[in-house]
Structure formats: structure tokens, C-alpha cells
Amino acid sequence: MRQLKSYDTLLNESFERIQSGKLHDEKLKPYEESFIWEMIYYFQRKEEYEKCQILKKSIDIFDHEKNYTKWITQSQRQMI
């Protein structure tokens, strides 16, 4: 039986995946842009602005309509 995660745990684990360069969940489904914005609002309420910046950059480098990463250079990836 699979245990449900708390909302806080879900968002923090999802953030860790995005920060490590994985723009998809554990089932390899790309994160929807609306979910990432939900994460940004959540971290804004918690005043974790560095996380918000990283999430915003992930939106900028991901084509959510086509579900693939836009071509970025190694130096740009290091900024994430």
C-alpha cells in the first residue's frame, strides 16, 4: 500500500527534483507549469525566495507545451 505524502513533503521533494535538473516526477511525467507556479506561491508564503527564483528559472528553460527542455548552455544550467 502506497502512503500519501503531505502537501509540504510533496512540494519540497518536487523542488529538490527540479533543483537537481529533473523536470519530471517519479513517474517521469513532466511537471505542469501550473504546478510549478503553485510551488512558487507556496514558497513565497513561507518567504523562501531563493526557491522561488530557482522554480521561475525552471519555467523559463522548459517548453511546457511540448514537454521538453529548451536548448541551454552548460553555463546557463549552472545558474539554476
PDB file of N, CA and C in Angstrom:
ATOM      1  N   MET A   1       0.846  -1.176   0.000  1.00  0.00           N
ATOM      2  CA  MET A   1       0.000   0.000   0.000  1.00  0.00           C
ATOM      3  C   MET A   1       0.888   1.234   0.000  1.00  0.00           C
ATOM      4  N   ARG A   2       0.590   2.173  -0.867  1.00  0.00           N
ATOM      5  CA  ARG A   2       1.381   3.391  -1.001  1.00  0.00           C
ATOM      6  C   ARG A   2       0.879   4.441  -0.029  1.00  0.00           C
ATOM      7  N   GLN A   3       1.812   5.048   0.688  1.00  0.00           N
ATOM      8  CA  GLN A   3       1.455   6.065   1.666  1.00  0.00           C
ATOM      9  C   GLN A   3       1.379   7.429   0.978  1.00  0.00           C
ATOM     10  N   LEU A   4       0.352   8.203   1.298  1.00  0.00           N
ATOM     11  CA  LEU A   4       0.206   9.539   0.742  1.00  0.00           C
ATOM     12  C   LEU A   4       1.169  10.494   1.420  1.00  0.00           C
ATOM     13  N   LYS A   5       1.708  11.404   0.644  1.00  0.00           N
ATOM     14  CA  LYS A   5       2.629  12.393   1.179  1.00  0.00           C
ATOM     15  C   LYS A   5       1.852  13.639   1.589  1.00  0.00           C
ATOM     16  N   SER A   6       2.376  14.344   2.568  1.00  0.00           N
ATOM     17  CA  SER A   6       1.765  15.612   2.942  1.00  0.00           C
ATOM     18  C   SER A   6       2.042  16.627   1.834  1.00  0.00           C
ATOM     19  N   TYR A   7       1.255  17.671   1.819  1.00  0.00           N
ATOM     20  CA  TYR A   7       1.409  18.718   0.816  1.00  0.00           C
ATOM     21  C   TYR A   7       2.804  19.338   0.913  1.00  0.00           C
ATOM     22  N   ASP A   8       3.242  19.595   2.127  1.00  0.00           N
ATOM     23  CA  ASP A   8       4.563  20.170   2.367  1.00  0.00           C
ATOM     24  C   ASP A   8       5.655  19.249   1.824  1.00  0.00           C
ATOM     25  N   THR A   9       5.557  17.971   2.112  1.00  0.00           N
ATOM     26  CA  THR A   9       6.540  16.992   1.641  1.00  0.00           C
ATOM     27  C   THR A   9       6.531  16.909   0.114  1.00  0.00           C
ATOM     28  N   LEU A  10       5.359  16.885  -0.477  1.00  0.00           N
ATOM     29  CA  LEU A  10       5.234  16.814  -1.934  1.00  0.00           C
ATOM     30  C   LEU A  10       5.942  17.988  -2.597  1.00  0.00           C
ATOM     31  N   LEU A  11       5.687  19.201  -2.103  1.00  0.00           N
ATOM     32  CA  LEU A  11       6.283  20.374  -2.729  1.00  0.00           C
ATOM     33  C   LEU A  11       7.791  20.431  -2.501  1.00  0.00           C
ATOM     34  N   ASN A  12       8.236  20.074  -1.317  1.00  0.00           N
ATOM     35  CA  ASN A  12       9.680  20.092  -1.049  1.00  0.00           C
ATOM     36  C   ASN A  12      10.419  19.033  -1.852  1.00  0.00           C
ATOM     37  N   GLU A  13       9.874  17.840  -1.961  1.00  0.00           N
ATOM     38  CA  GLU A  13      10.512  16.800  -2.766  1.00  0.00           C
ATOM     39  C   GLU A  13      10.494  17.160  -4.251  1.00  0.00           C
ATOM     40  N   SER A  14       9.407  17.749  -4.704  1.00  0.00           N
ATOM     41  CA  SER A  14       9.332  18.180  -6.101  1.00  0.00           C
ATOM     42  C   SER A  14      10.356  19.272  -6.368  1.00  0.00           C
ATOM     43  N   PHE A  15      10.499  20.189  -5.431  1.00  0.00           N
ATOM     44  CA  PHE A  15      11.507  21.235  -5.582  1.00  0.00           C
ATOM     45  C   PHE A  15      12.905  20.634  -5.681  1.00  0.00           C
ATOM     46  N   GLU A  16      13.213  19.675  -4.832  1.00  0.00           N
ATOM     47  CA  GLU A  16      14.531  19.037  -4.859  1.00  0.00           C
ATOM     48  C   GLU A  16      14.789  18.376  -6.212  1.00  0.00           C
ATOM     49  N   ARG A  17      13.767  17.765  -6.797  1.00  0.00           N
ATOM     50  CA  ARG A  17      13.919  17.136  -8.112  1.00  0.00           C
ATOM     51  C   ARG A  17      14.195  18.195  -9.176  1.00  0.00           C
ATOM     52  N   ILE A  18      13.443  19.281  -9.132  1.00  0.00           N
ATOM     53  CA  ILE A  18      13.632  20.352 -10.114  1.00  0.00           C
ATOM     54  C   ILE A  18      15.015  20.970  -9.948  1.00  0.00           C
ATOM     55  N   GLN A  19      15.424  21.199  -8.718  1.00  0.00           N
ATOM     56  CA  GLN A  19      16.728  21.798  -8.462  1.00  0.00           C
ATOM     57  C   GLN A  19      17.865  20.911  -8.974  1.00  0.00           C
ATOM     58  N   SER A  20      17.669  19.615  -8.925  1.00  0.00           N
ATOM     59  CA  SER A  20      18.706  18.699  -9.410  1.00  0.00           C
ATOM     60  C   SER A  20      18.640  18.494 -10.928  1.00  0.00           C
ATOM     61  N   GLY A  21      17.730  19.193 -11.589  1.00  0.00           N
ATOM     62  CA  GLY A  21      17.645  19.123 -13.043  1.00  0.00           C
ATOM     63  C   GLY A  21      16.615  18.145 -13.572  1.00  0.00           C
ATOM     64  N   LYS A  22      15.850  17.525 -12.688  1.00  0.00           N
ATOM     65  CA  LYS A  22      14.803  16.590 -13.112  1.00  0.00           C
ATOM     66  C   LYS A  22      13.482  17.347 -13.184  1.00  0.00           C
ATOM     67  N   LEU A  23      13.044  17.639 -14.384  1.00  0.00           N
ATOM     68  CA  LEU A  23      11.822  18.421 -14.569  1.00  0.00           C
ATOM     69  C   LEU A  23      10.595  17.528 -14.714  1.00  0.00           C
ATOM     70  N   HIS A  24      10.649  16.371 -14.049  1.00  0.00           N
ATOM     71  CA  HIS A  24       9.548  15.416 -14.102  1.00  0.00           C
ATOM     72  C   HIS A  24       9.402  14.747 -12.742  1.00  0.00           C
ATOM     73  N   ASP A  25       8.230  14.171 -12.496  1.00  0.00           N
ATOM     74  CA  ASP A  25       8.002  13.495 -11.220  1.00  0.00           C
ATOM     75  C   ASP A  25       8.588  12.088 -11.244  1.00  0.00           C
ATOM     76  N   GLU A  26       8.324  11.334 -10.186  1.00  0.00           N
ATOM     77  CA  GLU A  26       8.891   9.989 -10.069  1.00  0.00           C
ATOM     78  C   GLU A  26       8.384   9.032 -11.141  1.00  0.00           C
ATOM     79  N   LYS A  27       7.243   9.343 -11.738  1.00  0.00           N
ATOM     80  CA  LYS A  27       6.686   8.511 -12.804  1.00  0.00           C
ATOM     81  C   LYS A  27       7.068   9.031 -14.186  1.00  0.00           C
ATOM     82  N   LEU A  28       8.059   9.937 -14.216  1.00  0.00           N
ATOM     83  CA  LEU A  28       8.588  10.530 -15.445  1.00  0.00           C
ATOM     84  C   LEU A  28       7.581  11.414 -16.174  1.00  0.00           C
ATOM     85  N   LYS A  29       6.571  11.889 -15.486  1.00  0.00           N
ATOM     86  CA  LYS A  29       5.609  12.826 -16.062  1.00  0.00           C
ATOM     87  C   LYS A  29       6.131  14.243 -15.820  1.00  0.00           C
ATOM     88  N   PRO A  30       6.316  15.032 -16.891  1.00  0.00           N
ATOM     89  CA  PRO A  30       6.830  16.393 -16.711  1.00  0.00           C
ATOM     90  C   PRO A  30       5.904  17.216 -15.802  1.00  0.00           C
ATOM     91  N   TYR A  31       6.525  18.028 -14.961  1.00  0.00           N
ATOM     92  CA  TYR A  31       5.731  18.902 -14.100  1.00  0.00           C
ATOM     93  C   TYR A  31       4.989  19.914 -14.955  1.00  0.00           C
ATOM     94  N   GLU A  32       3.727  20.139 -14.635  1.00  0.00           N
ATOM     95  CA  GLU A  32       2.945  21.138 -15.353  1.00  0.00           C
ATOM     96  C   GLU A  32       3.332  22.521 -14.862  1.00  0.00           C
ATOM     97  N   GLU A  33       3.260  23.472 -15.761  1.00  0.00           N
ATOM     98  CA  GLU A  33       3.620  24.842 -15.401  1.00  0.00           C
ATOM     99  C   GLU A  33       2.752  25.353 -14.261  1.00  0.00           C
ATOM    100  N   SER A  34       1.483  25.000 -14.250  1.00  0.00           N
ATOM    101  CA  SER A  34       0.586  25.451 -13.180  1.00  0.00           C
ATOM    102  C   SER A  34       1.029  24.901 -11.822  1.00  0.00           C
ATOM    103  N   PHE A  35       1.555  23.673 -11.795  1.00  0.00           N
ATOM    104  CA  PHE A  35       2.044  23.092 -10.549  1.00  0.00           C
ATOM    105  C   PHE A  35       3.284  23.833 -10.062  1.00  0.00           C
ATOM    106  N   ILE A  36       4.169  24.190 -10.986  1.00  0.00           N
ATOM    107  CA  ILE A  36       5.370  24.924 -10.599  1.00  0.00           C
ATOM    108  C   ILE A  36       4.990  26.300 -10.058  1.00  0.00           C
ATOM    109  N   TRP A  37       3.999  26.948 -10.671  1.00  0.00           N
ATOM    110  CA  TRP A  37       3.537  28.239 -10.142  1.00  0.00           C
ATOM    111  C   TRP A  37       2.922  28.062  -8.754  1.00  0.00           C
ATOM    112  N   GLU A  38       2.226  26.981  -8.546  1.00  0.00           N
ATOM    113  CA  GLU A  38       1.669  26.682  -7.220  1.00  0.00           C
ATOM    114  C   GLU A  38       2.801  26.541  -6.195  1.00  0.00           C
ATOM    115  N   MET A  39       3.878  25.906  -6.617  1.00  0.00           N
ATOM    116  CA  MET A  39       5.042  25.773  -5.741  1.00  0.00           C
ATOM    117  C   MET A  39       5.645  27.149  -5.436  1.00  0.00           C
ATOM    118  N   ILE A  40       5.724  27.998  -6.444  1.00  0.00           N
ATOM    119  CA  ILE A  40       6.270  29.345  -6.237  1.00  0.00           C
ATOM    120  C   ILE A  40       5.434  30.103  -5.213  1.00  0.00           C
ATOM    121  N   TYR A  41       4.114  30.065  -5.349  1.00  0.00           N
ATOM    122  CA  TYR A  41       3.243  30.767  -4.391  1.00  0.00           C
ATOM    123  C   TYR A  41       3.398  30.197  -2.987  1.00  0.00           C
ATOM    124  N   TYR A  42       3.540  28.898  -2.906  1.00  0.00           N
ATOM    125  CA  TYR A  42       3.717  28.236  -1.604  1.00  0.00           C
ATOM    126  C   TYR A  42       5.001  28.715  -0.923  1.00  0.00           C
ATOM    127  N   PHE A  43       6.102  28.719  -1.678  1.00  0.00           N
ATOM    128  CA  PHE A  43       7.378  29.134  -1.095  1.00  0.00           C
ATOM    129  C   PHE A  43       7.419  30.639  -0.839  1.00  0.00           C
ATOM    130  N   GLN A  44       6.656  31.421  -1.600  1.00  0.00           N
ATOM    131  CA  GLN A  44       6.561  32.851  -1.297  1.00  0.00           C
ATOM    132  C   GLN A  44       5.904  33.053   0.070  1.00  0.00           C
ATOM    133  N   ARG A  45       4.844  32.306   0.333  1.00  0.00           N
ATOM    134  CA  ARG A  45       4.168  32.421   1.630  1.00  0.00           C
ATOM    135  C   ARG A  45       5.100  32.030   2.773  1.00  0.00           C
ATOM    136  N   LYS A  46       6.028  31.115   2.497  1.00  0.00           N
ATOM    137  CA  LYS A  46       6.988  30.693   3.519  1.00  0.00           C
ATOM    138  C   LYS A  46       8.249  31.568   3.510  1.00  0.00           C
ATOM    139  N   GLU A  47       8.260  32.562   2.631  1.00  0.00           N
ATOM    140  CA  GLU A  47       9.377  33.501   2.486  1.00  0.00           C
ATOM    141  C   GLU A  47      10.689  32.795   2.141  1.00  0.00           C
ATOM    142  N   GLU A  48      10.604  31.804   1.283  1.00  0.00           N
ATOM    143  CA  GLU A  48      11.781  31.090   0.779  1.00  0.00           C
ATOM    144  C   GLU A  48      11.994  31.527  -0.673  1.00  0.00           C
ATOM    145  N   TYR A  49      12.486  32.760  -0.803  1.00  0.00           N
ATOM    146  CA  TYR A  49      12.555  33.403  -2.109  1.00  0.00           C
ATOM    147  C   TYR A  49      13.611  32.805  -3.038  1.00  0.00           C
ATOM    148  N   GLU A  50      14.650  32.206  -2.480  1.00  0.00           N
ATOM    149  CA  GLU A  50      15.659  31.576  -3.327  1.00  0.00           C
ATOM    150  C   GLU A  50      15.043  30.412  -4.092  1.00  0.00           C
ATOM    151  N   LYS A  51      14.174  29.669  -3.426  1.00  0.00           N
ATOM    152  CA  LYS A  51      13.485  28.557  -4.090  1.00  0.00           C
ATOM    153  C   LYS A  51      12.576  29.072  -5.200  1.00  0.00           C
ATOM    154  N   CYS A  52      11.920  30.200  -4.948  1.00  0.00           N
ATOM    155  CA  CYS A  52      11.041  30.791  -5.960  1.00  0.00           C
ATOM    156  C   CYS A  52      11.833  31.147  -7.208  1.00  0.00           C
ATOM    157  N   GLN A  53      13.022  31.705  -7.017  1.00  0.00           N
ATOM    158  CA  GLN A  53      13.862  32.088  -8.145  1.00  0.00           C
ATOM    159  C   GLN A  53      14.276  30.866  -8.963  1.00  0.00           C
ATOM    160  N   ILE A  54      14.654  29.799  -8.298  1.00  0.00           N
ATOM    161  CA  ILE A  54      15.048  28.572  -8.994  1.00  0.00           C
ATOM    162  C   ILE A  54      13.865  28.006  -9.777  1.00  0.00           C
ATOM    163  N   LEU A  55      12.676  28.016  -9.175  1.00  0.00           N
ATOM    164  CA  LEU A  55      11.486  27.498  -9.858  1.00  0.00           C
ATOM    165  C   LEU A  55      11.132  28.356 -11.068  1.00  0.00           C
ATOM    166  N   LYS A  56      11.252  29.666 -10.941  1.00  0.00           N
ATOM    167  CA  LYS A  56      10.952  30.555 -12.066  1.00  0.00           C
ATOM    168  C   LYS A  56      11.909  30.281 -13.219  1.00  0.00           C
ATOM    169  N   LYS A  57      13.189  30.047 -12.903  1.00  0.00           N
ATOM    170  CA  LYS A  57      14.159  29.726 -13.957  1.00  0.00           C
ATOM    171  C   LYS A  57      13.812  28.409 -14.633  1.00  0.00           C
ATOM    172  N   SER A  58      13.286  27.462 -13.863  1.00  0.00           N
ATOM    173  CA  SER A  58      12.915  26.179 -14.467  1.00  0.00           C
ATOM    174  C   SER A  58      11.764  26.356 -15.450  1.00  0.00           C
ATOM    175  N   ILE A  59      10.865  27.283 -15.172  1.00  0.00           N
ATOM    176  CA  ILE A  59       9.770  27.570 -16.103  1.00  0.00           C
ATOM    177  C   ILE A  59      10.342  28.154 -17.388  1.00  0.00           C
ATOM    178  N   ASP A  60      11.338  29.030 -17.234  1.00  0.00           N
ATOM    179  CA  ASP A  60      11.917  29.706 -18.396  1.00  0.00           C
ATOM    180  C   ASP A  60      12.662  28.757 -19.327  1.00  0.00           C
ATOM    181  N   ILE A  61      13.224  27.653 -18.804  1.00  0.00           N
ATOM    182  CA  ILE A  61      14.007  26.756 -19.666  1.00  0.00           C
ATOM    183  C   ILE A  61      13.223  25.539 -20.130  1.00  0.00           C
ATOM    184  N   PHE A  62      11.962  25.434 -19.757  1.00  0.00           N
ATOM    185  CA  PHE A  62      11.179  24.259 -20.107  1.00  0.00           C
ATOM    186  C   PHE A  62      10.014  24.652 -20.995  1.00  0.00           C
ATOM    187  N   ASP A  63       9.852  23.973 -22.112  1.00  0.00           N
ATOM    188  CA  ASP A  63       8.722  24.213 -23.003  1.00  0.00           C
ATOM    189  C   ASP A  63       7.583  23.307 -22.551  1.00  0.00           C
ATOM    190  N   HIS A  64       6.648  23.865 -21.814  1.00  0.00           N
ATOM    191  CA  HIS A  64       5.585  23.065 -21.204  1.00  0.00           C
ATOM    192  C   HIS A  64       4.565  22.564 -22.217  1.00  0.00           C
ATOM    193  N   GLU A  65       4.496  23.210 -23.354  1.00  0.00           N
ATOM    194  CA  GLU A  65       3.560  22.749 -24.370  1.00  0.00           C
ATOM    195  C   GLU A  65       4.081  21.509 -25.092  1.00  0.00           C
ATOM    196  N   LYS A  66       5.390  21.422 -25.259  1.00  0.00           N
ATOM    197  CA  LYS A  66       5.982  20.307 -25.996  1.00  0.00           C
ATOM    198  C   LYS A  66       6.667  19.301 -25.081  1.00  0.00           C
ATOM    199  N   ASN A  67       6.702  19.587 -23.774  1.00  0.00           N
ATOM    200  CA  ASN A  67       7.271  18.679 -22.768  1.00  0.00           C
ATOM    201  C   ASN A  67       8.735  18.338 -23.012  1.00  0.00           C
ATOM    202  N   TYR A  68       9.534  19.314 -23.359  1.00  0.00           N
ATOM    203  CA  TYR A  68      10.965  19.072 -23.439  1.00  0.00           C
ATOM    204  C   TYR A  68      11.732  20.336 -23.037  1.00  0.00           C
ATOM    205  N   THR A  69      12.965  20.121 -22.677  1.00  0.00           N
ATOM    206  CA  THR A  69      13.816  21.217 -22.249  1.00  0.00           C
ATOM    207  C   THR A  69      14.332  21.971 -23.464  1.00  0.00           C
ATOM    208  N   LYS A  70      14.271  23.290 -23.401  1.00  0.00           N
ATOM    209  CA  LYS A  70      14.842  24.112 -24.456  1.00  0.00           C
ATOM    210  C   LYS A  70      16.351  23.952 -24.418  1.00  0.00           C
ATOM    211  N   TRP A  71      16.985  24.167 -25.539  1.00  0.00           N
ATOM    212  CA  TRP A  71      18.436  24.042 -25.592  1.00  0.00           C
ATOM    213  C   TRP A  71      19.049  25.143 -24.739  1.00  0.00           C
ATOM    214  N   ILE A  72      19.860  24.746 -23.755  1.00  0.00           N
ATOM    215  CA  ILE A  72      20.556  25.711 -22.922  1.00  0.00           C
ATOM    216  C   ILE A  72      22.017  25.304 -22.829  1.00  0.00           C
ATOM    217  N   THR A  73      22.862  26.286 -22.592  1.00  0.00           N
ATOM    218  CA  THR A  73      24.281  26.003 -22.485  1.00  0.00           C
ATOM    219  C   THR A  73      24.604  25.500 -21.076  1.00  0.00           C
ATOM    220  N   GLN A  74      25.777  24.932 -20.918  1.00  0.00           N
ATOM    221  CA  GLN A  74      26.210  24.430 -19.609  1.00  0.00           C
ATOM    222  C   GLN A  74      26.268  25.571 -18.600  1.00  0.00           C
ATOM    223  N   SER A  75      26.724  26.757 -19.008  1.00  0.00           N
ATOM    224  CA  SER A  75      26.820  27.871 -18.067  1.00  0.00           C
ATOM    225  C   SER A  75      25.429  28.306 -17.605  1.00  0.00           C
ATOM    226  N   GLN A  76      24.445  28.241 -18.493  1.00  0.00           N
ATOM    227  CA  GLN A  76      23.088  28.574 -18.083  1.00  0.00           C
ATOM    228  C   GLN A  76      22.550  27.531 -17.099  1.00  0.00           C
ATOM    229  N   ARG A  77      22.857  26.262 -17.316  1.00  0.00           N
ATOM    230  CA  ARG A  77      22.389  25.207 -16.409  1.00  0.00           C
ATOM    231  C   ARG A  77      22.982  25.401 -15.021  1.00  0.00           C
ATOM    232  N   GLN A  78      24.218  25.856 -14.934  1.00  0.00           N
ATOM    233  CA  GLN A  78      24.850  26.073 -13.643  1.00  0.00           C
ATOM    234  C   GLN A  78      24.178  27.197 -12.874  1.00  0.00           C
ATOM    235  N   MET A  79      23.493  28.095 -13.562  1.00  0.00           N
ATOM    236  CA  MET A  79      22.796  29.188 -12.887  1.00  0.00           C
ATOM    237  C   MET A  79      21.545  28.715 -12.184  1.00  0.00           C
ATOM    238  N   ILE A  80      21.064  27.539 -12.526  1.00  0.00           N
ATOM    239  CA  ILE A  80      19.824  27.031 -11.954  1.00  0.00           C
ATOM    240  C   ILE A  80      20.033  26.525 -10.561  1.00  0.00           C
TER     241      ILE A  80
END
